[in-house]
Amino acid sequence: MTRLPDESAILRFRHMLEAHGLGQQILATVNAKLVDRGLMLKTGTVVDATLITASCIHALVPASMIE
């Protein structure tokens, strides 16, 4: 099993990127690669597909019987 970096390691890495101004450079490089491959999404719609728990009783009991 490969160990994943913990939150503090990721935060240190992020701060290092910011301190050296590398975040924008990396983003520009990734965006250029996406454009080159025709994978850059320029328009679209964000859809929230959050799953939530719900009682299944509503599916089994007629609405007239639910308070």
Protein backbone atom coordinates (compact mmCIF):
# COMPACT_ATOMS: atom_id res chain seq x y z
CA MET A 1 0.00 0.00 0.00
CA THR A 2 1.32 3.43 -0.98
CA ARG A 3 1.25 6.08 1.71
CA LEU A 4 -0.64 9.24 0.88
CA PRO A 5 0.68 12.63 2.00
CA ASP A 6 -1.05 14.07 5.04
CA GLU A 7 -2.72 17.47 5.14
CA SER A 8 0.36 19.29 6.47
CA ALA A 9 2.59 17.90 3.69
CA ILE A 10 0.12 19.06 1.04
CA LEU A 11 -0.11 22.48 2.70
CA ARG A 12 3.69 22.83 2.79
CA PHE A 13 3.85 21.90 -0.91
CA ARG A 14 1.15 24.46 -1.73
CA HIS A 15 2.99 27.17 0.19
CA MET A 16 6.23 26.29 -1.62
CA LEU A 17 4.46 26.63 -4.98
CA GLU A 18 3.03 30.01 -3.95
CA ALA A 19 6.36 31.27 -2.58
CA HIS A 20 8.09 30.55 -5.89
CA GLY A 21 5.21 31.65 -8.12
CA LEU A 22 4.85 28.19 -9.63
CA GLY A 23 1.11 27.72 -9.24
CA GLN A 24 0.17 29.89 -12.21
CA GLN A 25 2.97 28.41 -14.30
CA ILE A 26 1.81 24.84 -13.63
CA LEU A 27 -1.82 25.76 -14.33
CA ALA A 28 -0.83 27.42 -17.63
CA THR A 29 1.16 24.31 -18.64
CA VAL A 30 -1.70 21.94 -17.81
CA ASN A 31 -4.21 24.16 -19.63
CA ALA A 32 -1.95 24.27 -22.71
CA LYS A 33 -1.74 20.45 -22.73
CA LEU A 34 -5.53 20.19 -22.47
CA VAL A 35 -5.99 22.65 -25.35
CA ASP A 36 -3.44 20.75 -27.48
CA ARG A 37 -5.41 17.55 -26.99
CA GLY A 38 -8.80 19.18 -27.52
CA LEU A 39 -9.84 18.47 -23.94
CA MET A 40 -10.23 22.02 -22.62
CA LEU A 41 -13.77 22.63 -21.40
CA LYS A 42 -14.70 26.28 -21.92
CA THR A 43 -18.42 26.22 -21.13
CA GLY A 44 -20.66 23.94 -19.17
CA THR A 45 -22.88 23.53 -16.19
CA VAL A 46 -21.86 22.49 -12.70
CA VAL A 47 -24.27 19.95 -11.25
CA ASP A 48 -24.29 19.04 -7.57
CA ALA A 49 -24.75 15.29 -7.29
CA THR A 50 -24.31 15.05 -3.53
CA LEU A 51 -25.72 11.85 -2.11
CA ILE A 52 -27.68 12.15 1.10
CA THR A 53 -29.27 9.55 3.31
CA ALA A 54 -33.03 9.46 3.34
CA SER A 55 -35.65 7.32 4.93
CA CYS A 56 -36.94 4.65 2.58
CA ILE A 57 -40.37 4.67 4.26
CA HIS A 58 -41.61 7.30 1.78
CA ALA A 59 -41.15 4.86 -1.08
CA LEU A 60 -43.15 2.15 0.67
CA VAL A 61 -46.00 4.07 2.28
CA PRO A 62 -48.61 6.13 0.40
CA ALA A 63 -48.14 9.89 0.84
CA SER A 64 -51.56 10.17 2.49
CA MET A 65 -50.30 8.02 5.40
CA ILE A 66 -47.12 10.00 6.07
CA GLU A 67 -47.37 12.80 8.64
